[in-house]
Protein backbone atom coordinates (compact mmCIF):
# COMPACT_ATOMS: atom_id res chain seq x y z
CA UNK A 1 0.00 0.00 0.00
CA UNK A 2 1.19 3.53 -0.80
CA UNK A 3 2.31 5.42 2.29
CA UNK A 4 0.01 8.33 1.41
CA UNK A 5 -3.01 6.03 1.27
CA UNK A 6 -2.09 4.46 4.61
CA UNK A 7 -1.61 7.95 6.07
CA UNK A 8 -5.11 9.09 5.05
CA UNK A 9 -6.75 5.93 6.40
CA UNK A 10 -4.87 6.11 9.70
CA UNK A 11 -5.75 9.75 10.29
CA UNK A 12 -9.33 9.34 9.11
CA UNK A 13 -9.84 6.81 11.91
CA UNK A 14 -7.98 8.89 14.50
CA UNK A 15 -10.00 12.02 13.80
CA UNK A 16 -13.33 10.18 13.94
CA UNK A 17 -12.36 8.60 17.26
CA UNK A 18 -11.17 11.98 18.56
CA UNK A 19 -14.51 13.57 17.67
CA UNK A 20 -16.32 10.87 19.63
CA UNK A 21 -14.00 11.18 22.63
CA UNK A 22 -14.48 14.96 22.71
CA UNK A 23 -18.26 14.52 22.56
CA UNK A 24 -18.10 12.01 25.42
CA UNK A 25 -16.11 14.33 27.67
CA UNK A 26 -18.30 17.33 26.86
CA UNK A 27 -21.47 15.34 27.49
CA UNK A 28 -20.35 14.09 30.90
CA UNK A 29 -19.08 17.53 31.92
CA UNK A 30 -22.34 19.13 30.82
CA UNK A 31 -24.39 16.59 32.79
CA UNK A 32 -22.16 17.09 35.85
CA UNK A 33 -22.57 20.87 35.60
CA UNK A 34 -26.33 20.45 36.18
CA UNK A 35 -25.71 19.00 39.66
CA UNK A 36 -25.77 21.29 42.72
CA UNK A 37 -22.24 22.64 43.21
CA UNK A 38 -20.29 25.84 43.74
CA UNK A 39 -19.33 28.05 40.81
CA UNK A 40 -15.66 27.31 41.51
CA UNK A 41 -16.28 23.57 41.30
CA UNK A 42 -18.18 23.98 38.03
CA UNK A 43 -15.37 26.07 36.54
CA UNK A 44 -12.81 23.49 37.67
CA UNK A 45 -14.69 20.89 35.67
CA UNK A 46 -14.52 22.94 32.47
CA UNK A 47 -10.85 23.74 33.07
CA UNK A 48 -10.15 20.03 33.48
CA UNK A 49 -11.84 19.40 30.15
CA UNK A 50 -9.48 21.84 28.42
CA UNK A 51 -6.52 20.33 30.25
CA UNK A 52 -7.31 16.79 29.04
CA UNK A 53 -7.05 17.94 25.44
CA UNK A 54 -4.07 20.25 26.10
CA UNK A 55 -6.12 23.22 24.91
CA UNK A 56 -5.90 25.49 27.94
CA UNK A 57 -3.28 27.78 26.36
CA UNK A 58 -5.13 28.09 23.04
CA UNK A 59 -8.42 28.79 24.80
CA UNK A 60 -7.06 31.42 27.20
CA UNK A 61 -5.27 33.17 24.33
CA UNK A 62 -8.69 33.93 22.81
CA UNK A 63 -10.98 34.14 25.86
CA UNK A 64 -10.81 36.16 29.05
CA UNK A 65 -12.34 33.52 31.33
CA UNK A 66 -13.64 29.98 31.37
CA UNK A 67 -17.41 29.80 30.85
CA UNK A 68 -19.53 26.79 29.86
CA UNK A 69 -20.88 28.42 26.68
CA UNK A 70 -17.48 29.58 25.43
CA UNK A 71 -15.81 26.23 26.17
CA UNK A 72 -18.68 24.46 24.42
CA UNK A 73 -18.36 26.63 21.32
CA UNK A 74 -14.57 26.31 21.35
CA UNK A 75 -14.59 22.51 21.57
CA UNK A 76 -17.59 21.83 19.34
CA UNK A 77 -17.84 24.36 16.54
CA UNK A 78 -14.63 26.42 16.38
CA UNK A 79 -12.88 25.79 13.02
CA UNK A 80 -9.69 27.42 14.35
CA UNK A 81 -9.45 24.82 17.11
CA UNK A 82 -7.95 21.80 15.33
CA UNK A 83 -9.23 19.49 18.08
CA UNK A 84 -12.86 20.68 18.00
CA UNK A 85 -15.52 18.23 16.88
CA UNK A 86 -16.06 20.38 13.80
CA UNK A 87 -12.38 20.21 12.82
CA UNK A 88 -12.13 16.48 13.56
CA UNK A 89 -15.16 15.54 11.46
CA UNK A 90 -13.97 17.80 8.65
CA UNK A 91 -10.50 16.21 8.72
CA UNK A 92 -11.99 12.68 8.86
CA UNK A 93 -14.13 13.43 5.81
CA UNK A 94 -11.28 15.00 3.84
CA UNK A 95 -9.01 12.04 4.55
CA UNK A 96 -11.80 9.67 3.48
CA UNK A 97 -12.32 11.63 0.27
CA UNK A 98 -8.61 11.43 -0.53
CA UNK A 99 -8.71 7.60 -0.43
CA UNK A 100 -12.23 7.10 -1.74
CA UNK A 101 -11.06 4.15 -3.83
CA UNK A 102 -9.75 2.26 -0.80
CA UNK A 103 -13.10 2.46 1.01
CA UNK A 104 -16.42 0.79 0.37
CA UNK A 105 -19.31 2.97 -0.77
CA UNK A 106 -20.97 2.55 2.63
CA UNK A 107 -17.91 3.75 4.55
CA UNK A 108 -17.48 6.82 2.34
CA UNK A 109 -21.18 7.75 2.41
CA UNK A 110 -21.26 7.42 6.20
CA UNK A 111 -18.31 9.79 6.59
CA UNK A 112 -19.66 12.26 4.04
CA UNK A 113 -23.18 12.26 5.47
CA UNK A 114 -21.83 12.75 9.00
CA UNK A 115 -19.97 15.87 7.89
CA UNK A 116 -22.94 17.32 5.99
CA UNK A 117 -25.43 16.70 8.80
CA UNK A 118 -23.07 18.10 11.42
CA UNK A 119 -22.84 21.34 9.45
CA UNK A 120 -26.62 21.62 9.68
CA UNK A 121 -26.45 21.04 13.44
CA UNK A 122 -23.85 23.78 13.77
CA UNK A 123 -25.94 26.20 11.70
CA UNK A 124 -28.95 25.54 13.96
CA UNK A 125 -26.84 25.90 17.15
CA UNK A 126 -28.17 22.50 18.22
CA UNK A 127 -25.18 21.94 20.53
CA UNK A 128 -26.34 24.93 22.62
CA UNK A 129 -30.08 24.22 22.49
CA UNK A 130 -29.77 20.56 23.47
CA UNK A 131 -26.12 19.62 24.12
CA UNK A 132 -26.87 16.08 25.30
CA UNK A 133 -28.73 15.18 22.10
CA UNK A 134 -25.99 16.67 19.93
CA UNK A 135 -23.24 14.75 21.72
CA UNK A 136 -25.25 11.53 21.53
CA UNK A 137 -25.56 12.08 17.77
CA UNK A 138 -21.77 12.44 17.40
CA UNK A 139 -21.20 9.24 19.36
CA UNK A 140 -23.79 7.40 17.28
CA UNK A 141 -22.19 8.49 14.02
CA UNK A 142 -18.80 7.31 15.25
CA UNK A 143 -20.28 3.95 16.23
CA UNK A 144 -21.93 3.75 12.82
CA UNK A 145 -18.64 4.52 11.07
CA UNK A 146 -16.84 1.70 12.90
CA UNK A 147 -19.74 -0.69 12.37
CA UNK A 148 -19.88 -0.04 8.63
CA UNK A 149 -16.11 -0.48 8.42
CA UNK A 150 -16.29 -3.84 10.20
CA UNK A 151 -19.32 -4.97 8.24
CA UNK A 152 -18.35 -3.99 4.69
CA UNK A 153 -14.58 -3.68 4.28
CA UNK A 154 -12.20 -6.41 3.25
CA UNK A 155 -9.85 -7.04 6.16
CA UNK A 156 -6.75 -6.07 4.23
CA UNK A 157 -4.08 -3.46 4.91
CA UNK A 158 -6.55 -0.58 4.56
CA UNK A 159 -8.74 -2.10 7.27
CA UNK A 160 -5.77 -2.65 9.59
CA UNK A 161 -4.55 0.95 9.32
CA UNK A 162 -8.05 2.15 10.19
CA UNK A 163 -8.03 -0.03 13.29
CA UNK A 164 -4.55 1.05 14.33
CA UNK A 165 -5.57 4.70 14.14
CA UNK A 166 -8.79 4.11 16.09
CA UNK A 167 -7.27 2.27 19.04
CA UNK A 168 -4.11 4.34 19.33
CA UNK A 169 -6.28 7.46 19.62
CA UNK A 170 -8.57 5.73 22.11
CA UNK A 171 -5.66 4.63 24.31
CA UNK A 172 -4.29 8.17 24.36
CA UNK A 173 -7.66 9.64 25.31
CA UNK A 174 -8.42 7.14 28.09
CA UNK A 175 -5.02 7.76 29.67
CA UNK A 176 -5.48 11.54 29.54
CA UNK A 177 -8.95 11.29 31.04
CA UNK A 178 -7.77 9.14 33.93
CA UNK A 179 -4.75 11.32 34.64
CA UNK A 180 -6.69 14.57 34.77
CA UNK A 181 -9.68 13.19 36.66
CA UNK A 182 -7.56 11.60 39.40
CA UNK A 183 -5.84 14.96 39.89
CA UNK A 184 -9.13 16.87 39.81
CA UNK A 185 -10.63 14.62 42.46
CA UNK A 186 -8.00 15.88 44.90
CA UNK A 187 -8.68 19.54 44.15
CA UNK A 188 -10.06 21.62 46.98
CA UNK A 189 -13.25 22.36 45.07
CA UNK A 190 -14.22 18.71 45.05
CA UNK A 191 -13.40 17.87 48.64
CA UNK A 192 -16.32 16.86 50.87
CA UNK A 193 -17.72 19.59 53.08
CA UNK A 194 -20.00 19.60 56.08
CA UNK A 195 -22.97 19.68 53.71
CA UNK A 196 -21.64 16.88 51.49
CA UNK A 197 -21.28 13.22 52.24
CA UNK A 198 -17.80 12.16 51.02
CA UNK A 199 -19.27 8.94 49.62
CA UNK A 200 -21.80 10.98 47.64
CA UNK A 201 -19.03 13.18 46.19
CA UNK A 202 -17.05 10.09 45.22
CA UNK A 203 -20.06 8.43 43.62
CA UNK A 204 -20.91 11.36 41.34
CA UNK A 205 -17.31 12.04 40.38
CA UNK A 206 -16.34 8.48 39.51
CA UNK A 207 -19.71 7.80 37.92
CA UNK A 208 -18.99 10.69 35.56
CA UNK A 209 -15.57 9.25 34.72
CA UNK A 210 -17.08 5.84 33.99
CA UNK A 211 -19.94 7.25 31.93
CA UNK A 212 -17.49 9.19 29.77
CA UNK A 213 -16.11 5.85 28.55
CA UNK A 214 -19.43 3.93 28.65
CA UNK A 215 -18.07 2.04 31.63
CA UNK A 216 -20.67 2.61 34.38
CA UNK A 217 -22.78 -0.48 33.64
CA UNK A 218 -19.62 -2.51 32.96
CA UNK A 219 -18.25 -1.54 36.37
CA UNK A 220 -21.45 -2.65 38.10
CA UNK A 221 -21.36 -5.98 36.27
CA UNK A 222 -17.68 -6.67 37.00
CA UNK A 223 -17.29 -5.42 40.59
CA UNK A 224 -20.86 -5.42 41.96
CA UNK A 225 -20.03 -2.97 44.75
CA UNK A 226 -19.63 0.74 45.47
CA UNK A 227 -17.50 2.75 43.06
CA UNK A 228 -13.90 2.98 44.28
CA UNK A 229 -11.13 4.98 42.56
CA UNK A 230 -8.68 2.06 42.53
CA UNK A 231 -11.29 -0.18 40.88
CA UNK A 232 -12.08 2.50 38.29
CA UNK A 233 -8.37 2.69 37.49
CA UNK A 234 -8.11 -1.09 37.26
CA UNK A 235 -11.09 -1.29 34.91
CA UNK A 236 -9.81 1.43 32.58
CA UNK A 237 -6.17 0.34 32.60
CA UNK A 238 -5.89 -3.41 33.02
CA UNK A 239 -9.16 -5.12 32.07
CA UNK A 240 -8.60 -6.73 28.65
CA UNK A 241 -12.37 -7.25 28.22
CA UNK A 242 -13.22 -3.55 28.72
CA UNK A 243 -13.33 -2.07 25.17
CA UNK A 244 -11.86 1.30 26.09
CA UNK A 245 -9.21 0.15 28.57
CA UNK A 246 -5.53 0.74 27.87
CA UNK A 247 -4.86 -3.00 27.74
CA UNK A 248 -7.67 -3.68 25.25
CA UNK A 249 -6.57 -0.78 23.04
CA UNK A 250 -2.95 -1.89 22.95
CA UNK A 251 -4.01 -5.46 22.20
CA UNK A 252 -5.84 -4.18 19.10
CA UNK A 253 -2.96 -1.92 18.07
CA UNK A 254 -0.43 -4.75 18.36
CA UNK A 255 -2.63 -7.28 16.54
CA UNK A 256 -3.28 -4.98 13.58
CA UNK A 257 0.28 -3.69 13.50
CA UNK A 258 1.52 -7.26 13.21
CA UNK A 259 -0.73 -7.75 10.13
CA UNK A 260 0.95 -4.89 8.24
CA UNK A 261 4.48 -5.33 9.61
CA UNK A 262 7.52 -5.23 7.33
CA UNK A 263 11.28 -5.34 7.77
CA UNK A 264 11.37 -1.62 8.55
CA UNK A 265 8.76 -1.80 11.32
CA UNK A 266 10.35 -4.50 13.50
CA UNK A 267 11.37 -2.03 16.22
CA UNK A 268 7.95 -0.33 16.26
CA UNK A 269 6.22 -3.69 16.57
CA UNK A 270 8.58 -4.64 19.40
CA UNK A 271 7.77 -1.47 21.32
CA UNK A 272 4.03 -1.99 20.83
CA UNK A 273 4.33 -5.58 22.05
CA UNK A 274 6.42 -4.51 25.04
CA UNK A 275 3.85 -1.89 26.03
CA UNK A 276 1.01 -4.40 25.67
CA UNK A 277 2.92 -6.97 27.77
CA UNK A 278 3.68 -4.41 30.49
CA UNK A 279 -0.06 -3.71 30.78
CA UNK A 280 -1.09 -7.35 30.58
CA UNK A 281 1.11 -8.40 33.50
CA UNK A 282 0.75 -5.27 35.62
CA UNK A 283 -1.16 -5.09 38.91
CA UNK A 284 -3.17 -2.08 39.98
CA UNK A 285 -1.73 -2.05 43.53
CA UNK A 286 1.80 -1.83 42.09
CA UNK A 287 0.77 0.97 39.73
CA UNK A 288 -0.84 2.98 42.55
CA UNK A 289 2.12 2.35 44.86
CA UNK A 290 4.58 3.83 42.36
CA UNK A 291 2.22 6.66 41.39
CA UNK A 292 -0.64 6.69 38.89
CA UNK A 293 0.35 10.05 37.41
CA UNK A 294 3.89 8.85 36.70
CA UNK A 295 2.55 5.64 35.16
CA UNK A 296 0.07 7.46 32.88
CA UNK A 297 2.61 10.11 31.89
CA UNK A 298 5.04 7.38 30.85
CA UNK A 299 2.25 5.56 29.01
CA UNK A 300 1.35 8.71 27.04
CA UNK A 301 5.01 9.22 26.15
CA UNK A 302 5.24 5.64 24.91
CA UNK A 303 2.03 5.98 22.89
CA UNK A 304 3.36 9.19 21.30
CA UNK A 305 6.64 7.40 20.51
CA UNK A 306 4.66 4.53 19.01
CA UNK A 307 2.69 6.95 16.86
CA UNK A 308 5.94 8.48 15.66
CA UNK A 309 7.29 5.01 14.83
CA UNK A 310 4.16 4.13 12.84
CA UNK A 311 4.41 7.41 10.96
CA UNK A 312 8.09 6.82 10.19
CA UNK A 313 7.62 3.20 9.09
CA UNK A 314 4.38 3.39 7.11
CA UNK A 315 2.99 6.88 6.64
CA UNK A 316 3.89 10.18 5.03
CA UNK A 317 6.83 11.61 7.07
CA UNK A 318 5.91 14.58 9.24
């Protein structure tokens, strides 16, 4: 496969997954903002959202303060923000158009229709009128895109590059979410007060984290007890049967990377396999003992290095 074709497929998948992840985080933060809380706590939630995506600097360069409406517009509809849902869906569609011949008609039409319909939603300001419905629509279109890919595409190199892009992006996002949320939980604004039961604070906070990765019902099924931070971390890091966990994502990345491997990519495949093995044989008590932030920071560095290796070995050089 031509490196340019592989590049478009890889980034098409990454941008679609990024749009979904952004919608998930916005949805959960919006729902959490409706709960009784101080203005400082609400603002901390929106700041955390910008921090996850490393957009705090870009946002503050253009806005005087953090407000729900301005953050929503910045992360949903701002074409100048390259990580906004608008920019991600546009980039996914443009990458799909560039490799139209490598996709089935259903995959292309799904991507194209998503972009066209989202423009109508933006024109109607639907994300401000009913944010929850808008975010659910973005998630549904991402699910549809993956489903059509699985259901209609030949499982050749094109398919494998789409899967690599999807799960590498998902691993990066889950790690960022966990890192920021564990730090936010210790912020003064979220500490229990005389009016708040600490267990109630914990429940709402960790429920929001789980819902952002569609993990609330999974948690209840697996652990069958109250929501505990260490169990949330275990579910989202080490459970191989949790679709959005770091272990599950790296299993998919390694499997698909092996299918397209060549003599030049031996080192990249080795690093992917090493990262997957480190997760597979890790224990959550050991991770927490050495520091979750340090673990997740190292994981993000290794994922970024892996992305660089994939780009160097297969894609158009940056």
